[in-house]
Amino acid sequence: MTMTKLTTDQIDNYHAGKMSESEMTDFENSLNSDPAARAESDFQSDIVNGLKEYRKLELKTRLDAINVG
């Protein structure tokens, strides 16, 4: 089985909800028929979610360090 050629932009647009209905359907069909494409999409999603969480914690730490009194 060969990996479906998915670009980083396609994966980003899918996870950001920036695809048309037909693009989303085609993309999801690719993910469902190709485990390697699914793994790549999941991997990129995990990276983005990890970075978002890290940035949230970093901002919280910086805000907690502000002396307001």
C-alpha atoms as a PDB file:
ATOM      1  CA  MET A   1       0.000   0.000   0.000  1.00  0.00           C
ATOM      2  CA  THR A   2       1.428   3.415  -0.936  1.00  0.00           C
ATOM      3  CA  MET A   3       0.925   6.543   1.060  1.00  0.00           C
ATOM      4  CA  THR A   4      -1.538   9.033  -0.361  1.00  0.00           C
ATOM      5  CA  LYS A   5       0.301  12.243  -1.226  1.00  0.00           C
ATOM      6  CA  LEU A   6      -1.015  14.741   1.286  1.00  0.00           C
ATOM      7  CA  THR A   7       0.652  18.102   1.625  1.00  0.00           C
ATOM      8  CA  THR A   8       1.299  19.897   4.879  1.00  0.00           C
ATOM      9  CA  ASP A   9      -1.080  22.615   3.704  1.00  0.00           C
ATOM     10  CA  GLN A  10      -3.857  20.077   3.152  1.00  0.00           C
ATOM     11  CA  ILE A  11      -3.342  18.622   6.615  1.00  0.00           C
ATOM     12  CA  ASP A  12      -3.227  22.091   8.193  1.00  0.00           C
ATOM     13  CA  ASN A  13      -6.352  23.211   6.350  1.00  0.00           C
ATOM     14  CA  TYR A  14      -8.194  20.047   7.381  1.00  0.00           C
ATOM     15  CA  HIS A  15      -7.421  20.472  11.067  1.00  0.00           C
ATOM     16  CA  ALA A  16      -8.184  24.210  10.913  1.00  0.00           C
ATOM     17  CA  GLY A  17     -11.564  23.592   9.254  1.00  0.00           C
ATOM     18  CA  LYS A  18     -10.555  25.529   6.133  1.00  0.00           C
ATOM     19  CA  MET A  19     -11.640  22.952   3.543  1.00  0.00           C
ATOM     20  CA  SER A  20     -14.784  22.872   1.475  1.00  0.00           C
ATOM     21  CA  GLU A  21     -17.167  19.993   2.083  1.00  0.00           C
ATOM     22  CA  SER A  22     -15.906  18.122  -0.994  1.00  0.00           C
ATOM     23  CA  GLU A  23     -12.246  18.711  -0.099  1.00  0.00           C
ATOM     24  CA  MET A  24     -12.912  17.450   3.415  1.00  0.00           C
ATOM     25  CA  THR A  25     -14.659  14.346   2.095  1.00  0.00           C
ATOM     26  CA  ASP A  26     -11.769  13.581  -0.283  1.00  0.00           C
ATOM     27  CA  PHE A  27      -9.241  14.166   2.483  1.00  0.00           C
ATOM     28  CA  GLU A  28     -11.080  11.917   4.939  1.00  0.00           C
ATOM     29  CA  ASN A  29     -11.372   9.199   2.276  1.00  0.00           C
ATOM     30  CA  SER A  30      -7.588   9.399   1.852  1.00  0.00           C
ATOM     31  CA  LEU A  31      -7.108   9.074   5.600  1.00  0.00           C
ATOM     32  CA  ASN A  32      -9.498   6.132   5.820  1.00  0.00           C
ATOM     33  CA  SER A  33      -7.866   4.250   2.964  1.00  0.00           C
ATOM     34  CA  ASP A  34      -4.226   4.905   3.861  1.00  0.00           C
ATOM     35  CA  PRO A  35      -2.919   4.196   7.383  1.00  0.00           C
ATOM     36  CA  ALA A  36       0.355   6.036   6.642  1.00  0.00           C
ATOM     37  CA  ALA A  37      -1.546   9.181   5.622  1.00  0.00           C
ATOM     38  CA  ARG A  38      -3.665   8.873   8.785  1.00  0.00           C
ATOM     39  CA  ALA A  39      -0.531   8.526  10.900  1.00  0.00           C
ATOM     40  CA  GLU A  40       1.040  11.622   9.300  1.00  0.00           C
ATOM     41  CA  SER A  41      -2.117  13.671   9.849  1.00  0.00           C
ATOM     42  CA  ASP A  42      -2.386  12.519  13.467  1.00  0.00           C
ATOM     43  CA  PHE A  43       1.308  13.237  14.038  1.00  0.00           C
ATOM     44  CA  GLN A  44       1.021  16.780  12.729  1.00  0.00           C
ATOM     45  CA  SER A  45      -2.122  17.338  14.777  1.00  0.00           C
ATOM     46  CA  ASP A  46      -0.346  16.119  17.922  1.00  0.00           C
ATOM     47  CA  ILE A  47       2.533  18.523  17.279  1.00  0.00           C
ATOM     48  CA  VAL A  48       0.212  21.500  16.819  1.00  0.00           C
ATOM     49  CA  ASN A  49      -1.807  20.617  19.920  1.00  0.00           C
ATOM     50  CA  GLY A  50       1.387  20.162  21.960  1.00  0.00           C
ATOM     51  CA  LEU A  51       2.678  23.568  20.875  1.00  0.00           C
ATOM     52  CA  LYS A  52      -0.639  25.220  21.712  1.00  0.00           C
ATOM     53  CA  GLU A  53      -0.588  23.661  25.192  1.00  0.00           C
ATOM     54  CA  TYR A  54       3.030  24.690  25.735  1.00  0.00           C
ATOM     55  CA  ARG A  55       2.280  28.287  24.715  1.00  0.00           C
ATOM     56  CA  LYS A  56      -0.729  28.377  27.029  1.00  0.00           C
ATOM     57  CA  LEU A  57       1.364  27.183  29.969  1.00  0.00           C
ATOM     58  CA  GLU A  58       4.162  29.599  29.092  1.00  0.00           C
ATOM     59  CA  LEU A  59       1.734  32.541  28.998  1.00  0.00           C
ATOM     60  CA  LYS A  60       0.152  31.474  32.282  1.00  0.00           C
ATOM     61  CA  THR A  61       3.586  31.317  33.905  1.00  0.00           C
ATOM     62  CA  ARG A  62       4.449  34.786  32.626  1.00  0.00           C
ATOM     63  CA  LEU A  63       1.128  36.215  33.821  1.00  0.00           C
ATOM     64  CA  ASP A  64       1.511  34.588  37.231  1.00  0.00           C
ATOM     65  CA  ALA A  65       4.926  36.270  37.575  1.00  0.00           C
ATOM     66  CA  ILE A  66       3.476  39.767  37.144  1.00  0.00           C
ATOM     67  CA  ASN A  67       3.316  41.671  40.424  1.00  0.00           C
ATOM     68  CA  VAL A  68       0.063  43.629  40.487  1.00  0.00           C
ATOM     69  CA  GLY A  69       0.079  44.872  43.986  1.00  0.00           C
END
